[in-house]
Protein backbone atom coordinates (compact mmCIF):
# COMPACT_ATOMS: atom_id res chain seq x y z
CA MET A 1 -21.61 -11.13 -5.14
CA THR A 2 -23.44 -8.38 -3.25
CA VAL A 3 -23.37 -5.03 -5.04
CA THR A 4 -25.25 -2.74 -2.63
CA THR A 5 -25.56 -1.93 1.06
CA THR A 6 -28.73 -0.33 2.42
CA VAL A 7 -28.76 2.66 4.76
CA ALA A 8 -30.02 0.43 7.59
CA GLU A 9 -27.19 -2.02 6.98
CA LEU A 10 -24.62 0.78 6.87
CA ARG A 11 -25.84 2.20 10.19
CA GLU A 12 -25.41 -1.21 11.78
CA LEU A 13 -21.97 -1.68 10.24
CA LEU A 14 -20.74 1.74 11.35
CA ALA A 15 -21.78 0.96 14.91
CA SER A 16 -20.02 -2.40 14.91
CA ASP A 17 -16.57 -3.32 16.19
CA ALA A 18 -15.32 -3.55 12.59
CA PRO A 19 -16.84 -0.62 10.67
CA PRO A 20 -16.30 -0.37 6.91
CA ALA A 21 -14.23 2.26 5.17
CA LEU A 22 -16.70 4.81 3.81
CA LEU A 23 -15.82 6.68 0.62
CA ASP A 24 -17.62 9.79 -0.67
CA VAL A 25 -17.11 10.29 -4.43
CA ARG A 26 -18.84 13.67 -4.85
CA TRP A 27 -18.54 14.37 -8.60
CA ALA A 28 -20.75 15.41 -11.49
CA LEU A 29 -19.97 16.36 -15.08
CA GLY A 30 -19.47 20.12 -15.23
CA ASP A 31 -19.34 20.53 -11.43
CA PRO A 32 -15.74 20.81 -10.16
CA HIS A 33 -16.79 21.55 -6.56
CA GLY A 34 -17.11 18.04 -5.14
CA ARG A 35 -14.72 18.69 -2.27
CA GLU A 36 -16.69 21.79 -1.25
CA HIS A 37 -19.98 19.85 -1.37
CA TYR A 38 -18.40 17.17 0.82
CA ALA A 39 -17.24 19.78 3.33
CA GLU A 40 -20.75 21.23 3.53
CA GLY A 41 -22.16 17.92 4.71
CA HIS A 42 -21.13 14.25 4.60
CA ILE A 43 -21.80 11.02 6.44
CA PRO A 44 -19.69 10.95 9.62
CA GLY A 45 -16.46 9.10 8.97
CA ALA A 46 -16.67 9.32 5.19
CA VAL A 47 -13.44 10.07 3.32
CA TYR A 48 -13.57 12.31 0.26
CA VAL A 49 -12.36 10.73 -3.00
CA ASP A 50 -11.50 12.94 -5.97
CA LEU A 51 -12.62 11.26 -9.17
CA GLU A 52 -10.56 13.43 -11.51
CA THR A 53 -7.21 12.93 -9.77
CA GLU A 54 -7.56 9.67 -7.79
CA LEU A 55 -9.89 7.53 -9.91
CA ALA A 56 -8.46 8.56 -13.29
CA SER A 57 -5.25 9.53 -15.02
CA ALA A 58 -4.78 12.70 -17.07
CA PRO A 59 -6.85 12.74 -20.27
CA THR A 60 -5.30 11.46 -23.50
CA ALA A 61 -6.62 11.07 -27.04
CA GLY A 62 -6.31 7.29 -26.90
CA GLY A 63 -7.47 6.90 -23.32
CA GLY A 64 -10.28 9.43 -23.29
CA ARG A 65 -11.25 11.94 -20.62
CA HIS A 66 -10.88 9.55 -17.65
CA PRO A 67 -8.28 6.86 -18.37
CA LEU A 68 -7.86 4.19 -15.71
CA PRO A 69 -5.16 5.13 -13.20
CA PRO A 70 -2.05 2.92 -12.92
CA ILE A 71 -2.57 0.27 -10.27
CA SER A 72 0.29 1.67 -8.18
CA GLN A 73 -1.36 5.12 -8.18
CA LEU A 74 -4.70 3.59 -7.21
CA GLN A 75 -3.10 1.60 -4.39
CA ASP A 76 -1.41 4.73 -3.02
CA ALA A 77 -4.76 6.55 -3.07
CA ALA A 78 -6.61 3.61 -1.49
CA ARG A 79 -4.08 3.54 1.37
CA ARG A 80 -4.58 7.29 1.85
CA TRP A 81 -8.31 6.60 2.17
CA GLY A 82 -7.51 4.13 4.94
CA LEU A 83 -8.46 0.96 3.08
CA ARG A 84 -7.30 -2.19 4.83
CA ARG A 85 -7.12 -5.78 3.67
CA ASP A 86 -9.47 -6.98 6.42
CA ARG A 87 -12.03 -4.19 6.16
CA PRO A 88 -15.05 -3.88 3.84
CA VAL A 89 -15.65 -0.72 1.80
CA VAL A 90 -18.90 1.17 1.15
CA VAL A 91 -18.90 3.83 -1.58
CA HIS A 92 -21.44 6.54 -2.35
CA ASP A 93 -21.94 9.93 -3.99
CA ASP A 94 -24.85 12.38 -4.12
CA LEU A 95 -26.02 11.44 -7.61
CA GLY A 96 -27.54 7.96 -7.49
CA ASN A 97 -24.05 6.40 -7.35
CA THR A 98 -23.40 7.21 -11.01
CA ALA A 99 -20.00 8.60 -10.01
CA ALA A 100 -19.34 6.34 -7.02
CA ALA A 101 -19.70 3.32 -9.28
CA ARG A 102 -16.33 4.29 -10.79
CA ALA A 103 -14.68 3.68 -7.39
CA TRP A 104 -16.72 0.50 -6.91
CA TRP A 105 -15.63 -0.83 -10.30
CA LEU A 106 -11.97 0.16 -9.90
CA LEU A 107 -11.68 -1.48 -6.49
CA ARG A 108 -13.40 -4.62 -7.73
CA TYR A 109 -11.11 -4.63 -10.79
CA ALA A 110 -8.16 -4.32 -8.41
CA GLY A 111 -9.23 -7.36 -6.40
CA VAL A 112 -11.15 -5.81 -3.49
CA GLU A 113 -14.07 -8.20 -3.08
CA ARG A 114 -15.95 -6.61 -0.18
CA VAL A 115 -16.86 -3.29 -1.75
CA THR A 116 -20.46 -2.16 -2.17
CA LEU A 117 -22.46 0.89 -3.19
CA LEU A 118 -24.71 2.61 -0.65
CA ASP A 119 -28.09 2.02 -2.26
CA GLY A 120 -29.77 5.36 -2.84
CA ALA A 121 -26.46 7.16 -2.22
CA LEU A 122 -26.34 10.18 0.11
CA GLY A 123 -29.97 11.00 -0.66
CA ALA A 124 -31.10 7.79 1.07
CA TRP A 125 -29.08 8.70 4.17
CA ARG A 126 -30.68 12.16 4.25
CA SER A 127 -34.17 10.74 3.67
CA ALA A 128 -33.69 8.48 6.68
CA GLY A 129 -33.09 11.60 8.81
CA LEU A 130 -29.57 10.54 9.71
CA PRO A 131 -26.88 13.03 10.73
CA LEU A 132 -24.28 14.69 8.54
CA GLU A 133 -21.08 16.36 9.63
CA SER A 134 -19.41 19.35 8.02
CA GLY A 135 -15.83 20.41 7.54
CA ARG A 136 -12.79 18.53 6.36
CA PRO A 137 -11.74 15.92 8.91
CA ASP A 138 -8.18 14.74 9.43
CA ALA A 139 -6.95 12.02 7.12
CA PRO A 140 -7.60 8.47 8.37
CA PRO A 141 -4.73 6.23 9.47
CA PRO A 142 -2.94 4.86 6.38
CA GLY A 143 -4.29 1.59 5.05
CA ASP A 144 -2.46 -1.55 4.00
CA VAL A 145 -4.62 -2.76 1.11
CA VAL A 146 -2.77 -4.55 -1.72
CA LEU A 147 -4.25 -4.09 -5.20
CA ARG A 148 -3.75 -6.25 -8.28
CA GLU A 149 -5.43 -5.38 -11.57
CA GLY A 150 -7.45 -7.74 -13.73
CA ALA A 151 -10.27 -9.06 -11.53
CA LEU A 152 -12.97 -7.61 -13.83
CA PRO A 153 -13.04 -7.68 -17.65
CA LEU A 154 -11.96 -4.77 -19.84
CA THR A 155 -12.16 -4.08 -23.54
CA ASP A 156 -10.60 -1.48 -25.84
CA ALA A 157 -11.87 0.30 -28.95
CA ASP A 158 -11.22 -2.69 -31.21
CA GLY A 159 -12.92 -4.98 -28.72
CA ALA A 160 -15.89 -2.63 -28.42
CA ALA A 161 -16.29 -2.62 -32.21
CA GLU A 162 -16.16 -6.40 -32.26
CA LEU A 163 -18.74 -6.69 -29.46
CA ALA A 164 -21.04 -4.27 -31.30
CA ALA A 165 -20.80 -6.50 -34.36
CA SER A 166 -20.99 -9.99 -32.86
CA GLY A 167 -21.92 -9.65 -29.18
CA LEU A 168 -23.75 -6.87 -27.38
CA LEU A 169 -22.40 -3.37 -26.74
CA LEU A 170 -24.49 -1.13 -24.47
CA ASP A 171 -24.24 2.67 -24.57
CA ALA A 172 -24.95 3.99 -21.06
CA ARG A 173 -25.21 7.69 -22.00
CA ALA A 174 -28.44 9.66 -22.11
CA ALA A 175 -30.58 8.78 -25.12
CA GLU A 176 -30.17 12.19 -26.78
CA ARG A 177 -26.38 11.79 -26.76
CA TYR A 178 -26.71 8.28 -28.18
CA ARG A 179 -28.91 9.63 -30.99
CA GLY A 180 -26.36 12.38 -31.68
CA GLU A 181 -28.80 15.23 -31.04
CA VAL A 182 -26.42 16.83 -28.51
CA GLU A 183 -22.80 16.34 -27.58
CA PRO A 184 -21.72 18.62 -24.72
CA VAL A 185 -18.10 17.51 -24.23
CA ASP A 186 -16.71 15.13 -26.84
CA PRO A 187 -15.41 15.86 -30.38
CA ARG A 188 -18.22 14.18 -32.35
CA ALA A 189 -21.86 13.34 -31.78
CA GLY A 190 -23.43 9.92 -32.24
CA HIS A 191 -22.67 6.39 -31.09
CA ILE A 192 -20.54 3.38 -31.92
CA PRO A 193 -22.15 1.57 -34.87
CA GLY A 194 -24.05 -1.46 -33.60
CA ALA A 195 -24.24 -0.28 -29.98
CA VAL A 196 -27.61 -0.41 -28.20
CA SER A 197 -28.89 2.56 -26.19
CA ALA A 198 -29.19 1.72 -22.47
CA PRO A 199 -29.23 4.96 -20.44
CA THR A 200 -27.77 4.56 -16.95
CA GLY A 201 -30.60 6.55 -15.36
CA GLU A 202 -33.04 3.78 -16.21
CA ASN A 203 -31.27 1.49 -13.72
CA LEU A 204 -32.68 3.55 -10.85
CA ALA A 205 -36.03 3.95 -9.14
CA ALA A 206 -37.42 7.42 -8.43
CA ASP A 207 -35.72 7.50 -5.02
CA GLY A 208 -32.29 6.86 -6.52
CA THR A 209 -32.02 3.22 -5.42
CA PHE A 210 -31.32 0.46 -7.92
CA LEU A 211 -34.36 -1.23 -9.38
CA PRO A 212 -34.97 -4.73 -8.00
CA ALA A 213 -32.95 -7.52 -9.59
CA ASP A 214 -35.91 -8.97 -11.48
CA GLU A 215 -36.78 -5.58 -13.00
CA LEU A 216 -33.19 -4.98 -14.04
CA ARG A 217 -33.04 -8.46 -15.53
CA LYS A 218 -36.20 -7.73 -17.51
CA ARG A 219 -34.73 -4.44 -18.70
CA PHE A 220 -31.48 -5.95 -19.90
CA THR A 221 -33.02 -9.01 -21.50
CA GLY A 222 -35.27 -6.62 -23.40
CA LEU A 223 -32.15 -4.86 -24.68
CA GLY A 224 -30.74 -8.13 -25.98
CA VAL A 225 -28.73 -9.49 -23.08
CA GLY A 226 -31.03 -12.53 -22.86
CA ALA A 227 -31.77 -14.68 -19.82
CA ALA A 228 -28.32 -16.19 -20.02
CA ARG A 229 -26.26 -17.54 -17.16
CA THR A 230 -22.99 -15.73 -16.60
CA ASP A 231 -20.12 -16.01 -14.16
CA ALA A 232 -21.97 -13.58 -11.90
CA ASP A 233 -24.93 -15.98 -11.72
CA GLU A 234 -22.85 -18.66 -10.03
CA ALA A 235 -23.31 -16.78 -6.77
CA GLY A 236 -26.75 -15.44 -7.74
CA PRO A 237 -27.61 -11.87 -8.71
CA GLY A 238 -25.90 -9.14 -6.77
CA ASN A 239 -28.77 -8.22 -4.45
CA GLY A 240 -29.66 -11.73 -3.42
CA ALA A 241 -32.54 -12.66 -5.75
CA ALA A 242 -32.72 -16.08 -7.37
CA ALA A 243 -30.78 -16.40 -10.61
CA PRO A 244 -32.49 -17.45 -13.84
CA SER A 245 -31.39 -20.72 -15.39
CA ALA A 246 -30.25 -20.41 -18.92
CA SER A 247 -27.65 -21.15 -21.54
CA PRO A 248 -24.16 -19.63 -22.00
CA ALA A 249 -24.13 -15.86 -21.86
CA PRO A 250 -23.66 -13.54 -24.80
CA ARG A 251 -20.56 -11.38 -24.63
CA ILE A 252 -21.46 -7.97 -23.25
CA GLY A 253 -19.57 -4.68 -23.21
CA VAL A 254 -20.54 -1.25 -21.84
CA TYR A 255 -19.36 2.27 -22.63
CA CYS A 256 -20.52 5.79 -21.84
CA GLY A 257 -18.92 9.21 -22.28
CA SER A 258 -15.66 8.57 -20.44
CA GLY A 259 -16.00 5.27 -18.59
CA VAL A 260 -17.66 6.61 -15.42
CA THR A 261 -21.41 5.96 -15.69
CA ALA A 262 -20.68 2.78 -17.66
CA ALA A 263 -19.43 1.37 -14.35
CA HIS A 264 -22.89 2.04 -12.91
CA GLU A 265 -24.40 0.03 -15.75
CA ILE A 266 -22.01 -2.83 -14.99
CA ALA A 267 -23.15 -2.73 -11.34
CA ALA A 268 -26.78 -2.90 -12.48
CA LEU A 269 -25.97 -5.78 -14.82
CA GLU A 270 -24.29 -7.62 -11.95
CA ILE A 271 -27.37 -7.13 -9.75
CA ALA A 272 -29.39 -8.65 -12.61
CA GLY A 273 -26.98 -11.59 -12.83
CA PHE A 274 -24.89 -10.62 -15.87
CA ARG A 275 -21.17 -9.95 -16.28
CA ALA A 276 -19.98 -7.26 -18.71
CA ALA A 277 -16.69 -5.72 -19.81
CA LEU A 278 -15.97 -2.00 -19.46
CA PHE A 279 -14.61 0.08 -22.33
CA PRO A 280 -12.81 2.71 -20.22
CA GLY A 281 -12.03 5.16 -23.03
CA SER A 282 -15.67 5.06 -24.10
CA TRP A 283 -17.04 7.69 -26.48
CA SER A 284 -14.44 10.28 -25.43
CA ALA A 285 -11.69 8.05 -26.88
CA TRP A 286 -13.68 6.66 -29.81
CA SER A 287 -14.87 10.05 -31.06
CA THR A 288 -11.33 11.47 -31.01
CA ASP A 289 -10.14 8.93 -33.58
CA PRO A 290 -11.16 10.09 -37.09
CA ASP A 291 -10.85 6.52 -38.37
CA ARG A 292 -13.61 5.30 -36.05
CA PRO A 293 -17.10 5.58 -37.58
CA ALA A 294 -20.04 7.20 -35.80
CA THR A 295 -23.75 6.61 -36.25
CA LYS A 296 -26.65 8.90 -35.37
CA GLY A 297 -30.28 8.18 -34.73
CA GLU A 298 -32.26 5.69 -32.65
CA ARG A 299 -31.09 2.55 -34.42
CA PRO A 300 -27.85 0.73 -33.60
């Protein structure tokens, strides 16, 4: 299934008789001013999506800093954004899609099949010299999308521990957080024992676009995923490259700080032809539980 849409493709779609819904998820850790950044300049027609209040529930010890929202809450938000059953969706942010991937993953999890990430995010649109508009436009006409949870795999803390022991658990945070050298937001430093460091930033080229499918496949096989066929391979890797033939896939899980950038890693894995489960609570939930062990250093 296609994961990304290029700027050229988006221009063509927006000019068509059936333009996609365009969502702007302007968010970054430690920057609460996403709505203001959106108002300063956004792609014409884009609707602002608030990650903290629309793509997550209130923080809890067991659920972490960004628990998944109830499906009814997500459906209400998606209808406010104007999402319709017969209309594709393109999502972006201004940070290499590391935040927008949360919306991509949630909508895919909720059964929306035609949702993609704008490859290169807002930076690619700017680099192409395309126009931005400012201000806060009126809300779009309400949508009629119907969401049903369960279309993508999830795991919890127990499942993440089991994957780290007998499958493959990838830690999508920056390497220094994995090693436990710094921990800017969560209660403890370190990583889940057995997890493998796989920083999200290494999914991207210098211009903020995803690496090609073959390079991502090489990256993930080098981390232990292996050239294994998964459900995602049945339709080929997400950006249209030929899928590798191989044996049954290992079980793969991904976590990060609070389940946001891990979604970006899952998108990269899908481009490479692999299917992985998200641990939504991620380190923010794991590190809050004193009974859960933590490991520091470069080794799993």
